PDB file of N, CA and C in Angstrom:
ATOM      1  N   MET A   1     -26.978  -0.486  37.928  1.00  0.00           N
ATOM      2  CA  MET A   1     -26.306  -1.080  36.788  1.00  0.00           C
ATOM      3  C   MET A   1     -24.797  -1.113  37.034  1.00  0.00           C
ATOM      4  N   SER A   2     -24.164  -2.149  36.511  1.00  0.00           N
ATOM      5  CA  SER A   2     -22.721  -2.237  36.686  1.00  0.00           C
ATOM      6  C   SER A   2     -22.013  -1.318  35.692  1.00  0.00           C
ATOM      7  N   SER A   3     -20.766  -1.077  35.963  1.00  0.00           N
ATOM      8  CA  SER A   3     -19.996  -0.167  35.095  1.00  0.00           C
ATOM      9  C   SER A   3     -19.781  -0.766  33.709  1.00  0.00           C
ATOM     10  N   HIS A   4     -19.711  -2.098  33.613  1.00  0.00           N
ATOM     11  CA  HIS A   4     -19.523  -2.738  32.303  1.00  0.00           C
ATOM     12  C   HIS A   4     -20.738  -2.513  31.406  1.00  0.00           C
ATOM     13  N   VAL A   5     -21.920  -2.621  31.970  1.00  0.00           N
ATOM     14  CA  VAL A   5     -23.140  -2.408  31.192  1.00  0.00           C
ATOM     15  C   VAL A   5     -23.231  -0.944  30.781  1.00  0.00           C
ATOM     16  N   THR A   6     -22.893  -0.031  31.681  1.00  0.00           N
ATOM     17  CA  THR A   6     -22.908   1.397  31.362  1.00  0.00           C
ATOM     18  C   THR A   6     -21.932   1.706  30.236  1.00  0.00           C
ATOM     19  N   ASN A   7     -20.737   1.128  30.296  1.00  0.00           N
ATOM     20  CA  ASN A   7     -19.750   1.339  29.236  1.00  0.00           C
ATOM     21  C   ASN A   7     -20.245   0.770  27.911  1.00  0.00           C
ATOM     22  N   LEU A   8     -20.862  -0.395  27.947  1.00  0.00           N
ATOM     23  CA  LEU A   8     -21.379  -1.010  26.735  1.00  0.00           C
ATOM     24  C   LEU A   8     -22.488  -0.168  26.121  1.00  0.00           C
ATOM     25  N   ILE A   9     -23.374   0.359  26.951  1.00  0.00           N
ATOM     26  CA  ILE A   9     -24.454   1.216  26.449  1.00  0.00           C
ATOM     27  C   ILE A   9     -23.871   2.488  25.836  1.00  0.00           C
ATOM     28  N   SER A  10     -22.835   3.057  26.456  1.00  0.00           N
ATOM     29  CA  SER A  10     -22.190   4.260  25.912  1.00  0.00           C
ATOM     30  C   SER A  10     -21.573   3.982  24.541  1.00  0.00           C
ATOM     31  N   ILE A  11     -20.938   2.842  24.410  1.00  0.00           N
ATOM     32  CA  ILE A  11     -20.320   2.475  23.125  1.00  0.00           C
ATOM     33  C   ILE A  11     -21.393   2.276  22.059  1.00  0.00           C
ATOM     34  N   ILE A  12     -22.477   1.611  22.401  1.00  0.00           N
ATOM     35  CA  ILE A  12     -23.553   1.378  21.431  1.00  0.00           C
ATOM     36  C   ILE A  12     -24.174   2.703  20.998  1.00  0.00           C
ATOM     37  N   ILE A  13     -24.415   3.605  21.936  1.00  0.00           N
ATOM     38  CA  ILE A  13     -24.973   4.917  21.589  1.00  0.00           C
ATOM     39  C   ILE A  13     -24.011   5.681  20.689  1.00  0.00           C
ATOM     40  N   PHE A  14     -22.713   5.637  21.011  1.00  0.00           N
ATOM     41  CA  PHE A  14     -21.710   6.315  20.186  1.00  0.00           C
ATOM     42  C   PHE A  14     -21.690   5.751  18.772  1.00  0.00           C
ATOM     43  N   MET A  15     -21.766   4.412  18.632  1.00  0.00           N
ATOM     44  CA  MET A  15     -21.769   3.792  17.306  1.00  0.00           C
ATOM     45  C   MET A  15     -23.034   4.155  16.526  1.00  0.00           C
ATOM     46  N   LEU A  16     -24.181   4.210  17.191  1.00  0.00           N
ATOM     47  CA  LEU A  16     -25.422   4.594  16.516  1.00  0.00           C
ATOM     48  C   LEU A  16     -25.371   6.034  16.039  1.00  0.00           C
ATOM     49  N   ILE A  17     -24.867   6.934  16.882  1.00  0.00           N
ATOM     50  CA  ILE A  17     -24.748   8.344  16.475  1.00  0.00           C
ATOM     51  C   ILE A  17     -23.771   8.477  15.313  1.00  0.00           C
ATOM     52  N   GLY A  18     -22.635   7.777  15.378  1.00  0.00           N
ATOM     53  CA  GLY A  18     -21.658   7.824  14.289  1.00  0.00           C
ATOM     54  C   GLY A  18     -22.222   7.279  12.987  1.00  0.00           C
ATOM     55  N   SER A  19     -22.889   6.140  13.055  1.00  0.00           N
ATOM     56  CA  SER A  19     -23.488   5.554  11.849  1.00  0.00           C
ATOM     57  C   SER A  19     -24.585   6.454  11.297  1.00  0.00           C
ATOM     58  N   GLY A  20     -25.381   7.017  12.180  1.00  0.00           N
ATOM     59  CA  GLY A  20     -26.430   7.945  11.732  1.00  0.00           C
ATOM     60  C   GLY A  20     -25.848   9.160  11.042  1.00  0.00           C
ATOM     61  N   PHE A  21     -24.757   9.693  11.581  1.00  0.00           N
ATOM     62  CA  PHE A  21     -24.102  10.848  10.962  1.00  0.00           C
ATOM     63  C   PHE A  21     -23.627  10.521   9.557  1.00  0.00           C
ATOM     64  N   VAL A  22     -23.004   9.338   9.398  1.00  0.00           N
ATOM     65  CA  VAL A  22     -22.524   8.924   8.077  1.00  0.00           C
ATOM     66  C   VAL A  22     -23.684   8.780   7.104  1.00  0.00           C
ATOM     67  N   LEU A  23     -24.758   8.145   7.520  1.00  0.00           N
ATOM     68  CA  LEU A  23     -25.913   7.953   6.639  1.00  0.00           C
ATOM     69  C   LEU A  23     -26.556   9.283   6.259  1.00  0.00           C
ATOM     70  N   VAL A  24     -26.659  10.204   7.209  1.00  0.00           N
ATOM     71  CA  VAL A  24     -27.227  11.527   6.904  1.00  0.00           C
ATOM     72  C   VAL A  24     -26.352  12.266   5.905  1.00  0.00           C
ATOM     73  N   MET A  25     -25.029  12.183   6.067  1.00  0.00           N
ATOM     74  CA  MET A  25     -24.128  12.870   5.128  1.00  0.00           C
ATOM     75  C   MET A  25     -24.232  12.272   3.725  1.00  0.00           C
ATOM     76  N   TYR A  26     -24.302  10.940   3.633  1.00  0.00           N
ATOM     77  CA  TYR A  26     -24.485  10.317   2.319  1.00  0.00           C
ATOM     78  C   TYR A  26     -25.806  10.753   1.682  1.00  0.00           C
ATOM     79  N   GLY A  27     -26.845  10.832   2.467  1.00  0.00           N
ATOM     80  CA  GLY A  27     -28.139  11.281   1.955  1.00  0.00           C
ATOM     81  C   GLY A  27     -28.078  12.718   1.466  1.00  0.00           C
ATOM     82  N   LEU A  28     -27.409  13.591   2.232  1.00  0.00           N
ATOM     83  CA  LEU A  28     -27.281  14.995   1.809  1.00  0.00           C
ATOM     84  C   LEU A  28     -26.480  15.117   0.513  1.00  0.00           C
ATOM     85  N   VAL A  29     -25.444  14.336   0.381  1.00  0.00           N
ATOM     86  CA  VAL A  29     -24.650  14.376  -0.851  1.00  0.00           C
ATOM     87  C   VAL A  29     -25.501  13.942  -2.034  1.00  0.00           C
ATOM     88  N   ARG A  30     -26.302  12.900  -1.863  1.00  0.00           N
ATOM     89  CA  ARG A  30     -27.183  12.437  -2.937  1.00  0.00           C
ATOM     90  C   ARG A  30     -28.169  13.524  -3.360  1.00  0.00           C
ATOM     91  N   LEU A  31     -28.663  14.303  -2.393  1.00  0.00           N
ATOM     92  CA  LEU A  31     -29.640  15.343  -2.695  1.00  0.00           C
ATOM     93  C   LEU A  31     -29.007  16.593  -3.297  1.00  0.00           C
ATOM     94  N   VAL A  32     -27.846  16.975  -2.824  1.00  0.00           N
ATOM     95  CA  VAL A  32     -27.265  18.272  -3.174  1.00  0.00           C
ATOM     96  C   VAL A  32     -26.284  18.197  -4.342  1.00  0.00           C
ATOM     97  N   ALA A  33     -25.533  17.116  -4.476  1.00  0.00           N
ATOM     98  CA  ALA A  33     -24.470  17.041  -5.474  1.00  0.00           C
ATOM     99  C   ALA A  33     -25.032  17.035  -6.888  1.00  0.00           C
ATOM    100  N   PRO A  34     -24.369  17.769  -7.800  1.00  0.00           N
ATOM    101  CA  PRO A  34     -24.813  17.741  -9.202  1.00  0.00           C
ATOM    102  C   PRO A  34     -24.478  16.384  -9.827  1.00  0.00           C
ATOM    103  N   THR A  35     -25.365  15.915 -10.687  1.00  0.00           N
ATOM    104  CA  THR A  35     -25.161  14.595 -11.288  1.00  0.00           C
ATOM    105  C   THR A  35     -25.197  14.633 -12.815  1.00  0.00           C
ATOM    106  N   ALA A  36     -25.036  15.793 -13.407  1.00  0.00           N
ATOM    107  CA  ALA A  36     -25.060  15.890 -14.867  1.00  0.00           C
ATOM    108  C   ALA A  36     -23.826  15.197 -15.436  1.00  0.00           C
ATOM    109  N   THR A  37     -24.047  14.245 -16.326  1.00  0.00           N
ATOM    110  CA  THR A  37     -22.928  13.553 -16.956  1.00  0.00           C
ATOM    111  C   THR A  37     -22.812  14.012 -18.394  1.00  0.00           C
ATOM    112  N   SER A  38     -21.592  14.060 -18.859  1.00  0.00           N
ATOM    113  CA  SER A  38     -21.329  14.411 -20.250  1.00  0.00           C
ATOM    114  C   SER A  38     -20.197  13.517 -20.741  1.00  0.00           C
ATOM    115  N   ARG A  39     -19.928  13.606 -22.022  1.00  0.00           N
ATOM    116  CA  ARG A  39     -18.864  12.783 -22.595  1.00  0.00           C
ATOM    117  C   ARG A  39     -17.511  13.145 -21.999  1.00  0.00           C
ATOM    118  N   GLU A  40     -17.290  14.448 -21.739  1.00  0.00           N
ATOM    119  CA  GLU A  40     -16.012  14.881 -21.183  1.00  0.00           C
ATOM    120  C   GLU A  40     -15.813  14.384 -19.754  1.00  0.00           C
ATOM    121  N   LYS A  41     -16.903  14.294 -18.984  1.00  0.00           N
ATOM    122  CA  LYS A  41     -16.783  13.823 -17.606  1.00  0.00           C
ATOM    123  C   LYS A  41     -16.512  12.321 -17.541  1.00  0.00           C
ATOM    124  N   LEU A  42     -16.897  11.599 -18.568  1.00  0.00           N
ATOM    125  CA  LEU A  42     -16.683  10.165 -18.590  1.00  0.00           C
ATOM    126  C   LEU A  42     -15.321   9.760 -19.141  1.00  0.00           C
ATOM    127  N   GLU A  43     -14.536  10.723 -19.650  1.00  0.00           N
ATOM    128  CA  GLU A  43     -13.202  10.438 -20.183  1.00  0.00           C
ATOM    129  C   GLU A  43     -12.224  10.175 -19.044  1.00  0.00           C
ATOM    130  N   PRO A  44     -11.221   9.329 -19.253  1.00  0.00           N
ATOM    131  CA  PRO A  44     -10.206   9.142 -18.227  1.00  0.00           C
ATOM    132  C   PRO A  44      -9.412  10.433 -18.030  1.00  0.00           C
ATOM    133  N   TYR A  45      -9.087  10.747 -16.795  1.00  0.00           N
ATOM    134  CA  TYR A  45      -8.387  11.991 -16.478  1.00  0.00           C
ATOM    135  C   TYR A  45      -6.922  11.691 -16.242  1.00  0.00           C
ATOM    136  N   GLU A  46      -6.059  12.381 -16.963  1.00  0.00           N
ATOM    137  CA  GLU A  46      -4.623  12.182 -16.844  1.00  0.00           C
ATOM    138  C   GLU A  46      -3.926  13.499 -16.532  1.00  0.00           C
ATOM    139  N   CYS A  47      -4.050  13.960 -15.329  1.00  0.00           N
ATOM    140  CA  CYS A  47      -3.326  15.141 -14.845  1.00  0.00           C
ATOM    141  C   CYS A  47      -3.523  16.354 -15.744  1.00  0.00           C
ATOM    142  N   GLY A  48      -4.706  16.545 -16.251  1.00  0.00           N
ATOM    143  CA  GLY A  48      -4.997  17.705 -17.073  1.00  0.00           C
ATOM    144  C   GLY A  48      -4.578  17.573 -18.519  1.00  0.00           C
ATOM    145  N   GLU A  49      -3.972  16.457 -18.880  1.00  0.00           N
ATOM    146  CA  GLU A  49      -3.521  16.253 -20.253  1.00  0.00           C
ATOM    147  C   GLU A  49      -4.659  15.713 -21.106  1.00  0.00           C
ATOM    148  N   THR A  50      -4.628  16.052 -22.368  1.00  0.00           N
ATOM    149  CA  THR A  50      -5.602  15.511 -23.308  1.00  0.00           C
ATOM    150  C   THR A  50      -5.296  14.040 -23.526  1.00  0.00           C
ATOM    151  N   VAL A  51      -6.331  13.222 -23.480  1.00  0.00           N
ATOM    152  CA  VAL A  51      -6.146  11.787 -23.638  1.00  0.00           C
ATOM    153  C   VAL A  51      -5.863  11.486 -25.103  1.00  0.00           C
ATOM    154  N   VAL A  52      -4.760  10.782 -25.346  1.00  0.00           N
ATOM    155  CA  VAL A  52      -4.375  10.398 -26.701  1.00  0.00           C
ATOM    156  C   VAL A  52      -4.314   8.876 -26.742  1.00  0.00           C
ATOM    157  N   GLY A  53      -5.069   8.273 -27.611  1.00  0.00           N
ATOM    158  CA  GLY A  53      -5.055   6.818 -27.734  1.00  0.00           C
ATOM    159  C   GLY A  53      -5.988   6.159 -26.741  1.00  0.00           C
ATOM    160  N   GLN A  54      -5.830   4.867 -26.627  1.00  0.00           N
ATOM    161  CA  GLN A  54      -6.674   4.071 -25.740  1.00  0.00           C
ATOM    162  C   GLN A  54      -6.185   4.187 -24.291  1.00  0.00           C
ATOM    163  N   PRO A  55      -7.101   4.126 -23.330  1.00  0.00           N
ATOM    164  CA  PRO A  55      -6.659   4.190 -21.940  1.00  0.00           C
ATOM    165  C   PRO A  55      -5.956   2.916 -21.468  1.00  0.00           C
ATOM    166  N   TRP A  56      -6.194   1.789 -22.141  1.00  0.00           N
ATOM    167  CA  TRP A  56      -5.536   0.544 -21.765  1.00  0.00           C
ATOM    168  C   TRP A  56      -4.289   0.368 -22.607  1.00  0.00           C
ATOM    169  N   VAL A  57      -3.128   0.580 -21.992  1.00  0.00           N
ATOM    170  CA  VAL A  57      -1.857   0.500 -22.691  1.00  0.00           C
ATOM    171  C   VAL A  57      -1.068  -0.665 -22.095  1.00  0.00           C
ATOM    172  N   HIS A  58      -0.444  -1.449 -22.940  1.00  0.00           N
ATOM    173  CA  HIS A  58       0.392  -2.547 -22.460  1.00  0.00           C
ATOM    174  C   HIS A  58       1.704  -1.986 -21.947  1.00  0.00           C
ATOM    175  N   ILE A  59       2.037  -2.337 -20.700  1.00  0.00           N
ATOM    176  CA  ILE A  59       3.273  -1.884 -20.092  1.00  0.00           C
ATOM    177  C   ILE A  59       4.151  -3.108 -19.873  1.00  0.00           C
ATOM    178  N   ASN A  60       5.428  -2.949 -20.136  1.00  0.00           N
ATOM    179  CA  ASN A  60       6.370  -4.052 -19.991  1.00  0.00           C
ATOM    180  C   ASN A  60       6.368  -4.566 -18.554  1.00  0.00           C
ATOM    181  N   ILE A  61       6.340  -5.874 -18.398  1.00  0.00           N
ATOM    182  CA  ILE A  61       6.278  -6.500 -17.079  1.00  0.00           C
ATOM    183  C   ILE A  61       7.520  -6.188 -16.250  1.00  0.00           C
ATOM    184  N   ARG A  62       8.612  -5.808 -16.910  1.00  0.00           N
ATOM    185  CA  ARG A  62       9.861  -5.512 -16.209  1.00  0.00           C
ATOM    186  C   ARG A  62       9.680  -4.404 -15.180  1.00  0.00           C
ATOM    187  N   TYR A  63       8.830  -3.432 -15.439  1.00  0.00           N
ATOM    188  CA  TYR A  63       8.605  -2.333 -14.491  1.00  0.00           C
ATOM    189  C   TYR A  63       7.959  -2.846 -13.207  1.00  0.00           C
ATOM    190  N   TYR A  64       7.015  -3.757 -13.337  1.00  0.00           N
ATOM    191  CA  TYR A  64       6.350  -4.306 -12.164  1.00  0.00           C
ATOM    192  C   TYR A  64       7.303  -5.162 -11.334  1.00  0.00           C
ATOM    193  N   ILE A  65       8.123  -5.967 -12.012  1.00  0.00           N
ATOM    194  CA  ILE A  65       9.079  -6.807 -11.303  1.00  0.00           C
ATOM    195  C   ILE A  65      10.099  -5.944 -10.580  1.00  0.00           C
ATOM    196  N   PHE A  66      10.555  -4.893 -11.228  1.00  0.00           N
ATOM    197  CA  PHE A  66      11.511  -3.975 -10.602  1.00  0.00           C
ATOM    198  C   PHE A  66      10.886  -3.329  -9.372  1.00  0.00           C
ATOM    199  N   ALA A  67       9.623  -2.947  -9.466  1.00  0.00           N
ATOM    200  CA  ALA A  67       8.927  -2.350  -8.326  1.00  0.00           C
ATOM    201  C   ALA A  67       8.774  -3.354  -7.190  1.00  0.00           C
ATOM    202  N   MET A  68       8.481  -4.602  -7.513  1.00  0.00           N
ATOM    203  CA  MET A  68       8.358  -5.625  -6.475  1.00  0.00           C
ATOM    204  C   MET A  68       9.691  -5.853  -5.768  1.00  0.00           C
ATOM    205  N   LEU A  69      10.774  -5.861  -6.529  1.00  0.00           N
ATOM    206  CA  LEU A  69      12.093  -6.005  -5.914  1.00  0.00           C
ATOM    207  C   LEU A  69      12.398  -4.819  -5.006  1.00  0.00           C
ATOM    208  N   PHE A  70      12.018  -3.634  -5.438  1.00  0.00           N
ATOM    209  CA  PHE A  70      12.219  -2.453  -4.592  1.00  0.00           C
ATOM    210  C   PHE A  70      11.465  -2.604  -3.281  1.00  0.00           C
ATOM    211  N   LEU A  71      10.235  -3.087  -3.343  1.00  0.00           N
ATOM    212  CA  LEU A  71       9.449  -3.272  -2.126  1.00  0.00           C
ATOM    213  C   LEU A  71      10.082  -4.292  -1.191  1.00  0.00           C
ATOM    214  N   ILE A  72      10.624  -5.350  -1.754  1.00  0.00           N
ATOM    215  CA  ILE A  72      11.270  -6.369  -0.920  1.00  0.00           C
ATOM    216  C   ILE A  72      12.411  -5.750  -0.133  1.00  0.00           C
ATOM    217  N   PHE A  73      13.244  -4.966  -0.789  1.00  0.00           N
ATOM    218  CA  PHE A  73      14.394  -4.401  -0.099  1.00  0.00           C
ATOM    219  C   PHE A  73      14.014  -3.189   0.744  1.00  0.00           C
ATOM    220  N   ASP A  74      12.901  -2.589   0.454  1.00  0.00           N
ATOM    221  CA  ASP A  74      12.370  -1.539   1.317  1.00  0.00           C
ATOM    222  C   ASP A  74      11.890  -2.156   2.628  1.00  0.00           C
ATOM    223  N   ILE A  75      11.245  -3.293   2.531  1.00  0.00           N
ATOM    224  CA  ILE A  75      10.787  -3.998   3.730  1.00  0.00           C
ATOM    225  C   ILE A  75      11.979  -4.494   4.538  1.00  0.00           C
ATOM    226  N   GLU A  76      13.052  -4.846   3.857  1.00  0.00           N
ATOM    227  CA  GLU A  76      14.264  -5.256   4.567  1.00  0.00           C
ATOM    228  C   GLU A  76      14.748  -4.147   5.489  1.00  0.00           C
ATOM    229  N   THR A  77      14.743  -2.923   5.014  1.00  0.00           N
ATOM    230  CA  THR A  77      15.200  -1.816   5.865  1.00  0.00           C
ATOM    231  C   THR A  77      14.260  -1.593   7.040  1.00  0.00           C
ATOM    232  N   VAL A  78      12.975  -1.876   6.852  1.00  0.00           N
ATOM    233  CA  VAL A  78      12.023  -1.735   7.957  1.00  0.00           C
ATOM    234  C   VAL A  78      12.383  -2.703   9.082  1.00  0.00           C
ATOM    235  N   PHE A  79      12.875  -3.888   8.752  1.00  0.00           N
ATOM    236  CA  PHE A  79      13.267  -4.854   9.776  1.00  0.00           C
ATOM    237  C   PHE A  79      14.699  -4.643  10.253  1.00  0.00           C
ATOM    238  N   LEU A  80      15.541  -4.067   9.414  1.00  0.00           N
ATOM    239  CA  LEU A  80      16.945  -3.901   9.767  1.00  0.00           C
ATOM    240  C   LEU A  80      17.163  -2.807  10.811  1.00  0.00           C
ATOM    241  N   PHE A  81      16.439  -1.702  10.729  1.00  0.00           N
ATOM    242  CA  PHE A  81      16.631  -0.606  11.685  1.00  0.00           C
ATOM    243  C   PHE A  81      16.246  -0.993  13.111  1.00  0.00           C
ATOM    244  N   PRO A  82      15.074  -1.588  13.357  1.00  0.00           N
ATOM    245  CA  PRO A  82      14.785  -1.998  14.742  1.00  0.00           C
ATOM    246  C   PRO A  82      15.768  -3.044  15.263  1.00  0.00           C
ATOM    247  N   TRP A  83      16.198  -3.941  14.393  1.00  0.00           N
ATOM    248  CA  TRP A  83      17.173  -4.934  14.813  1.00  0.00           C
ATOM    249  C   TRP A  83      18.464  -4.256  15.240  1.00  0.00           C
ATOM    250  N   ALA A  84      18.904  -3.244  14.497  1.00  0.00           N
ATOM    251  CA  ALA A  84      20.144  -2.539  14.832  1.00  0.00           C
ATOM    252  C   ALA A  84      20.034  -1.856  16.194  1.00  0.00           C
ATOM    253  N   ILE A  85      18.846  -1.406  16.536  1.00  0.00           N
ATOM    254  CA  ILE A  85      18.669  -0.721  17.821  1.00  0.00           C
ATOM    255  C   ILE A  85      18.779  -1.702  18.986  1.00  0.00           C
ATOM    256  N   VAL A  86      18.235  -2.902  18.844  1.00  0.00           N
ATOM    257  CA  VAL A  86      18.234  -3.861  19.951  1.00  0.00           C
ATOM    258  C   VAL A  86      19.241  -4.996  19.731  1.00  0.00           C
ATOM    259  N   SER A  87      20.202  -4.810  18.857  1.00  0.00           N
ATOM    260  CA  SER A  87      21.124  -5.902  18.519  1.00  0.00           C
ATOM    261  C   SER A  87      21.959  -6.342  19.715  1.00  0.00           C
ATOM    262  N   ARG A  88      22.305  -5.449  20.632  1.00  0.00           N
ATOM    263  CA  ARG A  88      23.099  -5.855  21.801  1.00  0.00           C
ATOM    264  C   ARG A  88      22.289  -6.744  22.748  1.00  0.00           C
ATOM    265  N   LYS A  89      21.001  -6.469  22.857  1.00  0.00           N
ATOM    266  CA  LYS A  89      20.153  -7.299  23.728  1.00  0.00           C
ATOM    267  C   LYS A  89      19.940  -8.682  23.130  1.00  0.00           C
ATOM    268  N   LEU A  90      19.880  -8.755  21.808  1.00  0.00           N
ATOM    269  CA  LEU A  90      19.637 -10.041  21.150  1.00  0.00           C
ATOM    270  C   LEU A  90      20.889 -10.915  21.106  1.00  0.00           C
ATOM    271  N   ALA A  91      22.037 -10.304  21.203  1.00  0.00           N
ATOM    272  CA  ALA A  91      23.333 -10.981  21.243  1.00  0.00           C
ATOM    273  C   ALA A  91      23.538 -11.881  20.022  1.00  0.00           C
ATOM    274  N   LEU A  92      24.112 -13.039  20.223  1.00  0.00           N
ATOM    275  CA  LEU A  92      24.471 -13.933  19.114  1.00  0.00           C
ATOM    276  C   LEU A  92      23.244 -14.469  18.391  1.00  0.00           C
ATOM    277  N   PHE A  93      22.182 -14.762  19.136  1.00  0.00           N
ATOM    278  CA  PHE A  93      20.951 -15.269  18.520  1.00  0.00           C
ATOM    279  C   PHE A  93      20.405 -14.255  17.506  1.00  0.00           C
ATOM    280  N   GLY A  94      20.363 -12.985  17.882  1.00  0.00           N
ATOM    281  CA  GLY A  94      19.875 -11.938  16.983  1.00  0.00           C
ATOM    282  C   GLY A  94      20.750 -11.782  15.762  1.00  0.00           C
ATOM    283  N   LEU A  95      22.053 -11.901  15.948  1.00  0.00           N
ATOM    284  CA  LEU A  95      22.973 -11.784  14.817  1.00  0.00           C
ATOM    285  C   LEU A  95      22.763 -12.938  13.834  1.00  0.00           C
ATOM    286  N   ILE A  96      22.618 -14.147  14.348  1.00  0.00           N
ATOM    287  CA  ILE A  96      22.407 -15.304  13.468  1.00  0.00           C
ATOM    288  C   ILE A  96      21.085 -15.173  12.722  1.00  0.00           C
ATOM    289  N   GLU A  97      20.045 -14.733  13.414  1.00  0.00           N
ATOM    290  CA  GLU A  97      18.756 -14.551  12.733  1.00  0.00           C
ATOM    291  C   GLU A  97      18.846 -13.505  11.633  1.00  0.00           C
ATOM    292  N   MET A  98      19.555 -12.409  11.876  1.00  0.00           N
ATOM    293  CA  MET A  98      19.660 -11.362  10.862  1.00  0.00           C
ATOM    294  C   MET A  98      20.504 -11.840   9.683  1.00  0.00           C
ATOM    295  N   VAL A  99      21.535 -12.626   9.945  1.00  0.00           N
ATOM    296  CA  VAL A  99      22.339 -13.175   8.846  1.00  0.00           C
ATOM    297  C   VAL A  99      21.484 -14.100   7.985  1.00  0.00           C
ATOM    298  N   VAL A 100      20.660 -14.924   8.617  1.00  0.00           N
ATOM    299  CA  VAL A 100      19.760 -15.817   7.863  1.00  0.00           C
ATOM    300  C   VAL A 100      18.765 -14.991   7.055  1.00  0.00           C
ATOM    301  N   PHE A 101      18.211 -13.934   7.672  1.00  0.00           N
ATOM    302  CA  PHE A 101      17.256 -13.063   6.986  1.00  0.00           C
ATOM    303  C   PHE A 101      17.891 -12.402   5.756  1.00  0.00           C
ATOM    304  N   ILE A 102      19.090 -11.861   5.918  1.00  0.00           N
ATOM    305  CA  ILE A 102      19.775 -11.205   4.795  1.00  0.00           C
ATOM    306  C   ILE A 102      20.162 -12.230   3.737  1.00  0.00           C
ATOM    307  N   PHE A 103      20.542 -13.437   4.150  1.00  0.00           N
ATOM    308  CA  PHE A 103      20.870 -14.484   3.180  1.00  0.00           C
ATOM    309  C   PHE A 103      19.655 -14.835   2.328  1.00  0.00           C
ATOM    310  N   ILE A 104      18.496 -14.963   2.966  1.00  0.00           N
ATOM    311  CA  ILE A 104      17.269 -15.259   2.215  1.00  0.00           C
ATOM    312  C   ILE A 104      16.979 -14.143   1.217  1.00  0.00           C
ATOM    313  N   LEU A 105      17.172 -12.905   1.628  1.00  0.00           N
ATOM    314  CA  LEU A 105      16.947 -11.792   0.701  1.00  0.00           C
ATOM    315  C   LEU A 105      17.963 -11.788  -0.441  1.00  0.00           C
ATOM    316  N   LEU A 106      19.196 -12.143  -0.151  1.00  0.00           N
ATOM    317  CA  LEU A 106      20.206 -12.201  -1.206  1.00  0.00           C
ATOM    318  C   LEU A 106      19.900 -13.315  -2.208  1.00  0.00           C
ATOM    319  N   VAL A 107      19.378 -14.448  -1.725  1.00  0.00           N
ATOM    320  CA  VAL A 107      18.949 -15.512  -2.635  1.00  0.00           C
ATOM    321  C   VAL A 107      17.794 -14.990  -3.500  1.00  0.00           C
ATOM    322  N   GLY A 108      16.889 -14.221  -2.871  1.00  0.00           N
ATOM    323  CA  GLY A 108      15.792 -13.611  -3.622  1.00  0.00           C
ATOM    324  C   GLY A 108      16.270 -12.593  -4.637  1.00  0.00           C
ATOM    325  N   LEU A 109      17.419 -11.985  -4.400  1.00  0.00           N
ATOM    326  CA  LEU A 109      17.995 -11.037  -5.363  1.00  0.00           C
ATOM    327  C   LEU A 109      18.773 -11.767  -6.456  1.00  0.00           C
ATOM    328  N   ALA A 110      19.394 -12.877  -6.107  1.00  0.00           N
ATOM    329  CA  ALA A 110      20.212 -13.607  -7.083  1.00  0.00           C
ATOM    330  C   ALA A 110      19.365 -14.150  -8.229  1.00  0.00           C
ATOM    331  N   TYR A 111      18.153 -14.603  -7.931  1.00  0.00           N
ATOM    332  CA  TYR A 111      17.310 -15.174  -8.982  1.00  0.00           C
ATOM    333  C   TYR A 111      16.954 -14.150 -10.060  1.00  0.00           C
ATOM    334  N   PRO A 112      16.402 -12.968  -9.706  1.00  0.00           N
ATOM    335  CA  PRO A 112      16.109 -12.007 -10.779  1.00  0.00           C
ATOM    336  C   PRO A 112      17.374 -11.471 -11.444  1.00  0.00           C
ATOM    337  N   TRP A 113      18.471 -11.423 -10.705  1.00  0.00           N
ATOM    338  CA  TRP A 113      19.721 -10.970 -11.307  1.00  0.00           C
ATOM    339  C   TRP A 113      20.159 -11.963 -12.387  1.00  0.00           C
ATOM    340  N   LYS A 114      20.046 -13.271 -12.077  1.00  0.00           N
ATOM    341  CA  LYS A 114      20.405 -14.304 -13.043  1.00  0.00           C
ATOM    342  C   LYS A 114      19.486 -14.259 -14.262  1.00  0.00           C
ATOM    343  N   LYS A 115      18.192 -13.959 -14.046  1.00  0.00           N
ATOM    344  CA  LYS A 115      17.231 -13.893 -15.139  1.00  0.00           C
ATOM    345  C   LYS A 115      17.376 -12.615 -15.973  1.00  0.00           C
ATOM    346  N   GLY A 116      18.176 -11.648 -15.508  1.00  0.00           N
ATOM    347  CA  GLY A 116      18.403 -10.419 -16.266  1.00  0.00           C
ATOM    348  C   GLY A 116      17.381  -9.333 -16.015  1.00  0.00           C
ATOM    349  N   VAL A 117      16.622  -9.451 -14.952  1.00  0.00           N
ATOM    350  CA  VAL A 117      15.589  -8.449 -14.652  1.00  0.00           C
ATOM    351  C   VAL A 117      16.223  -7.106 -14.287  1.00  0.00           C
ATOM    352  N   LEU A 118      17.387  -7.136 -13.639  1.00  0.00           N
ATOM    353  CA  LEU A 118      18.018  -5.905 -13.202  1.00  0.00           C
ATOM    354  C   LEU A 118      18.800  -5.203 -14.309  1.00  0.00           C
ATOM    355  N   ARG A 119      18.931  -5.851 -15.451  1.00  0.00           N
ATOM    356  CA  ARG A 119      19.613  -5.211 -16.579  1.00  0.00           C
ATOM    357  C   ARG A 119      18.609  -4.269 -17.253  1.00  0.00           C
ATOM    358  N   TRP A 120      18.935  -3.008 -17.253  1.00  0.00           N
ATOM    359  CA  TRP A 120      18.026  -1.989 -17.749  1.00  0.00           C
ATOM    360  C   TRP A 120      18.484  -1.541 -19.132  1.00  0.00           C
ATOM    361  N   ASP A 121      17.906  -2.112 -20.162  1.00  0.00           N
ATOM    362  CA  ASP A 121      18.266  -1.751 -21.526  1.00  0.00           C
ATOM    363  C   ASP A 121      17.403  -0.588 -21.973  1.00  0.00           C
ATOM    364  N   VAL A 122      18.061   0.523 -22.307  1.00  0.00           N
ATOM    365  CA  VAL A 122      17.320   1.705 -22.769  1.00  0.00           C
ATOM    366  C   VAL A 122      17.509   1.799 -24.273  1.00  0.00           C
ATOM    367  N   THR A 123      16.407   1.727 -24.999  1.00  0.00           N
ATOM    368  CA  THR A 123      16.486   1.873 -26.451  1.00  0.00           C
ATOM    369  C   THR A 123      15.845   3.178 -26.833  1.00  0.00           C
ATOM    370  N   ILE A 124      16.527   3.899 -27.669  1.00  0.00           N
ATOM    371  CA  ILE A 124      16.017   5.217 -28.110  1.00  0.00           C
ATOM    372  C   ILE A 124      15.506   5.107 -29.523  1.00  0.00           C
TER     373      ILE A 124
END
């Protein structure tokens, strides 16, 4: 037999053993785990706090938009650090690309700023 066939057979055996292990563990959990349900177990869990009111609460959309903006600028830093490391190798082309990238992000920031999303009004 060639080495490719031997390697393929080894991989198939490994996958069968792995899948069998997972299926056996799921079966054991089904047999051993307690399944008694009660009203308290079906309640939503909030960090040990007693649930007050309905679990579905309306949250202001401003929090989600603020979080999305945070993610955008978090991703910017993910691209900015590697660029800073290799900026000398990229020379002028790399600098122009990064300026275009930052400009696009600034345009993306200008729109929510104009709409007032970044204004955080706290009412007591």
